[in-house]
Amino acid sequence: MKLYPTLEIDRLILRPFTMADAPDVQRLAGDRAVADTTLAIPHPYEDGMAEAWIRTHRDAFDTGNGVHFAITRKPAGTLVGAISLMGVVPGHQAELGYWIGVPFWNSGYCTEAARAVIGYAFSDIGLIRVHCCHFRRNPASGRVMRKLGMTHEGCRRRHIVKWGRAEDIEMYGILWEEWDFSD
């Protein structure tokens, strides 16, 4: 069994989720405002969903398909959100996904965590590309992607139906050779 990584950065520790995180995941991800801006978080976020989601993480990591990190604040370890590399194609690419609880929006935590995870994707996993997307109506997520040095690669118009509404998806990506490894 591979050792699940923990990444320590300025204000945050990115670590594996534990079952003890489930109540905070349910509370934070269960906020309609968080679910509204993500592709896959349901609303309402019912009892047991957080535990079921957390149980998928070890297998995803062990099979090389993905890695999920709890974003926690130093020093208290307060859970603020989640960040993941999903759909990992070894030696090639992965999709970056994230959510931050509403009480922690506009704090820079997402950018800080994403910078560490992209660095991990390139340096530790050996990927050559990381990509990410957001709903057009969620420009804050696009600002995070641009701060990371990602390039806007296009828009898939009405590509996703979320809660009965066709959504445009803005796509971003960054290549290994474009990454600033000095961070």
Protein backbone atom coordinates (compact mmCIF):
# COMPACT_ATOMS: atom_id res chain seq x y z
CA MET A 1 0.00 0.00 0.00
CA LYS A 2 1.42 3.38 -1.06
CA LEU A 3 1.83 6.15 1.48
CA TYR A 4 -0.92 8.74 0.98
CA PRO A 5 0.71 12.17 0.65
CA THR A 6 0.34 15.17 2.94
CA LEU A 7 1.39 18.58 1.61
CA GLU A 8 2.28 21.37 4.02
CA ILE A 9 2.29 24.91 2.69
CA ASP A 10 2.18 28.44 4.15
CA ARG A 11 -1.21 28.56 5.84
CA LEU A 12 -2.52 25.10 5.03
CA ILE A 13 -2.02 21.40 5.37
CA LEU A 14 -3.43 19.24 2.58
CA ARG A 15 -3.96 15.78 4.02
CA PRO A 16 -6.01 12.64 3.46
CA PHE A 17 -9.63 12.83 4.58
CA THR A 18 -10.66 10.72 7.57
CA MET A 19 -14.11 9.64 8.69
CA ALA A 20 -13.82 12.24 11.46
CA ASP A 21 -14.07 14.87 8.68
CA ALA A 22 -17.48 13.64 7.51
CA PRO A 23 -19.62 16.01 9.62
CA ASP A 24 -17.62 19.03 8.38
CA VAL A 25 -17.76 17.78 4.78
CA GLN A 26 -21.53 17.40 5.04
CA ARG A 27 -21.92 20.87 6.58
CA LEU A 28 -19.59 22.69 4.16
CA ALA A 29 -20.29 20.82 0.91
CA GLY A 30 -23.95 20.65 1.85
CA ASP A 31 -24.32 24.41 1.58
CA ARG A 32 -26.43 25.09 -1.50
CA ALA A 33 -24.02 27.83 -2.60
CA VAL A 34 -21.15 25.31 -2.75
CA ALA A 35 -23.20 22.66 -4.54
CA ASP A 36 -24.44 25.29 -7.01
CA THR A 37 -20.93 26.06 -8.24
CA THR A 38 -19.69 22.47 -8.66
CA LEU A 39 -20.30 19.76 -11.22
CA ALA A 40 -20.83 16.81 -8.89
CA ILE A 41 -21.84 17.89 -5.38
CA PRO A 42 -25.52 17.09 -4.80
CA HIS A 43 -28.01 19.17 -2.87
CA PRO A 44 -29.36 18.31 -0.45
CA TYR A 45 -26.22 16.60 0.84
CA GLU A 46 -27.78 13.77 2.78
CA ASP A 47 -26.55 11.78 5.77
CA GLY A 48 -23.99 9.16 4.76
CA MET A 49 -22.91 10.90 1.53
CA ALA A 50 -19.73 12.33 3.07
CA GLU A 51 -18.70 8.96 4.47
CA ALA A 52 -19.40 7.23 1.15
CA TRP A 53 -17.32 9.84 -0.70
CA ILE A 54 -14.41 9.58 1.75
CA ARG A 55 -14.42 5.77 1.41
CA THR A 56 -13.64 6.13 -2.34
CA HIS A 57 -10.39 8.04 -1.80
CA ARG A 58 -8.03 5.24 -0.81
CA ASP A 59 -8.95 3.06 -3.79
CA ALA A 60 -8.62 6.00 -6.20
CA PHE A 61 -5.14 6.67 -4.84
CA ASP A 62 -4.03 3.02 -4.74
CA THR A 63 -5.13 2.44 -8.35
CA GLY A 64 -3.48 5.66 -9.53
CA ASN A 65 -6.78 7.18 -10.66
CA GLY A 66 -6.74 10.16 -8.33
CA VAL A 67 -5.81 11.80 -5.07
CA HIS A 68 -8.14 13.75 -2.78
CA PHE A 69 -6.91 16.19 -0.14
CA ALA A 70 -8.67 17.79 2.80
CA ILE A 71 -7.72 21.47 2.83
CA THR A 72 -7.09 22.37 6.47
CA ARG A 73 -5.93 25.59 8.11
CA LYS A 74 -2.88 25.77 10.32
CA PRO A 75 -2.49 25.42 13.24
CA ALA A 76 -5.94 24.25 14.37
CA GLY A 77 -6.59 21.88 11.47
CA THR A 78 -9.96 23.43 10.58
CA LEU A 79 -11.39 21.87 7.42
CA VAL A 80 -12.03 24.55 4.79
CA GLY A 81 -12.61 22.45 1.66
CA ALA A 82 -11.32 19.78 -0.67
CA ILE A 83 -9.01 19.60 -3.66
CA SER A 84 -8.44 16.63 -5.95
CA LEU A 85 -6.65 15.33 -9.00
CA MET A 86 -9.11 13.09 -10.82
CA GLY A 87 -9.02 10.91 -13.90
CA VAL A 88 -5.26 10.60 -13.70
CA VAL A 89 -3.70 9.23 -16.88
CA PRO A 90 -0.20 8.20 -15.71
CA GLY A 91 2.57 10.14 -17.41
CA HIS A 92 0.03 12.39 -19.08
CA GLN A 93 -2.76 14.36 -17.40
CA ALA A 94 -5.34 14.82 -14.64
CA GLU A 95 -8.28 17.08 -13.90
CA LEU A 96 -8.05 19.43 -10.94
CA GLY A 97 -11.24 19.86 -8.93
CA TYR A 98 -11.93 21.78 -5.73
CA TRP A 99 -14.51 23.30 -3.45
CA ILE A 100 -14.18 25.69 -0.51
CA GLY A 101 -16.75 26.13 2.26
CA VAL A 102 -18.61 29.44 2.10
CA PRO A 103 -17.18 30.77 5.41
CA PHE A 104 -13.71 30.54 3.80
CA TRP A 105 -14.43 32.09 0.39
CA ASN A 106 -12.24 35.03 -0.73
CA SER A 107 -9.39 34.03 1.57
CA GLY A 108 -6.92 32.77 -1.05
CA TYR A 109 -7.02 29.22 0.32
CA CYS A 110 -8.11 27.72 -2.99
CA THR A 111 -5.28 29.31 -4.95
CA GLU A 112 -2.73 28.31 -2.31
CA ALA A 113 -3.95 24.71 -2.20
CA ALA A 114 -4.22 24.41 -5.99
CA ARG A 115 -0.68 25.71 -6.46
CA ALA A 116 0.62 22.94 -4.16
CA VAL A 117 -1.45 20.22 -5.85
CA ILE A 118 -0.39 21.22 -9.36
CA GLY A 119 3.24 21.21 -8.21
CA TYR A 120 2.65 17.73 -6.74
CA ALA A 121 1.09 16.58 -10.04
CA PHE A 122 4.12 17.65 -12.03
CA SER A 123 6.93 16.85 -9.57
CA ASP A 124 5.68 13.76 -7.75
CA ILE A 125 3.23 12.09 -10.14
CA GLY A 126 5.12 13.05 -13.31
CA LEU A 127 2.19 14.44 -15.25
CA ILE A 128 2.69 16.78 -18.20
CA ARG A 129 -0.74 18.46 -18.13
CA VAL A 130 -3.34 19.51 -15.56
CA HIS A 131 -6.71 20.81 -16.64
CA CYS A 132 -9.70 22.28 -14.85
CA CYS A 133 -13.09 23.74 -15.69
CA HIS A 134 -15.76 25.96 -14.17
CA PHE A 135 -19.28 27.13 -14.86
CA ARG A 136 -19.17 30.38 -16.83
CA ARG A 137 -21.40 31.95 -14.18
CA ASN A 138 -18.72 31.27 -11.52
CA PRO A 139 -15.97 33.71 -12.54
CA ALA A 140 -14.24 33.44 -9.13
CA SER A 141 -13.12 29.93 -10.05
CA GLY A 142 -11.73 31.21 -13.33
CA ARG A 143 -9.73 33.85 -11.44
CA VAL A 144 -8.14 31.05 -9.38
CA MET A 145 -7.17 29.22 -12.57
CA ARG A 146 -5.64 32.33 -14.12
CA LYS A 147 -3.67 33.08 -10.90
CA LEU A 148 -2.19 29.59 -11.24
CA GLY A 149 -0.93 30.42 -14.73
CA MET A 150 -3.48 28.22 -16.47
CA THR A 151 -4.44 29.07 -20.04
CA HIS A 152 -8.06 29.44 -21.10
CA GLU A 153 -8.57 26.68 -23.67
CA GLY A 154 -12.15 27.27 -24.65
CA CYS A 155 -15.79 27.06 -23.74
CA ARG A 156 -18.11 24.10 -24.06
CA ARG A 157 -21.45 25.77 -24.57
CA ARG A 158 -24.40 24.27 -22.68
CA HIS A 159 -22.23 21.23 -22.00
CA ILE A 160 -23.55 20.32 -18.54
CA VAL A 161 -27.10 20.28 -17.22
CA LYS A 162 -27.13 21.24 -13.55
CA TRP A 163 -30.44 21.41 -11.72
CA GLY A 164 -32.38 21.59 -14.99
CA ARG A 165 -30.27 24.39 -16.51
CA ALA A 166 -27.81 23.96 -19.38
CA GLU A 167 -24.45 25.38 -18.31
CA ASP A 168 -21.49 26.68 -20.28
CA ILE A 169 -18.18 25.23 -19.08
CA GLU A 170 -14.97 27.28 -19.31
CA MET A 171 -11.89 25.08 -19.74
CA TYR A 172 -8.34 25.82 -18.57
CA GLY A 173 -5.08 23.91 -18.66
CA ILE A 174 -1.41 24.14 -17.84
CA LEU A 175 1.53 22.15 -19.15
CA TRP A 176 4.56 21.00 -17.20
CA GLU A 177 6.89 23.33 -19.10
CA GLU A 178 4.66 26.32 -18.28
CA TRP A 179 4.70 25.68 -14.52
CA ASP A 180 6.75 27.91 -12.22
CA PHE A 181 8.55 25.38 -10.01
CA SER A 182 10.00 28.12 -7.80
CA ASP A 183 6.78 28.32 -5.74
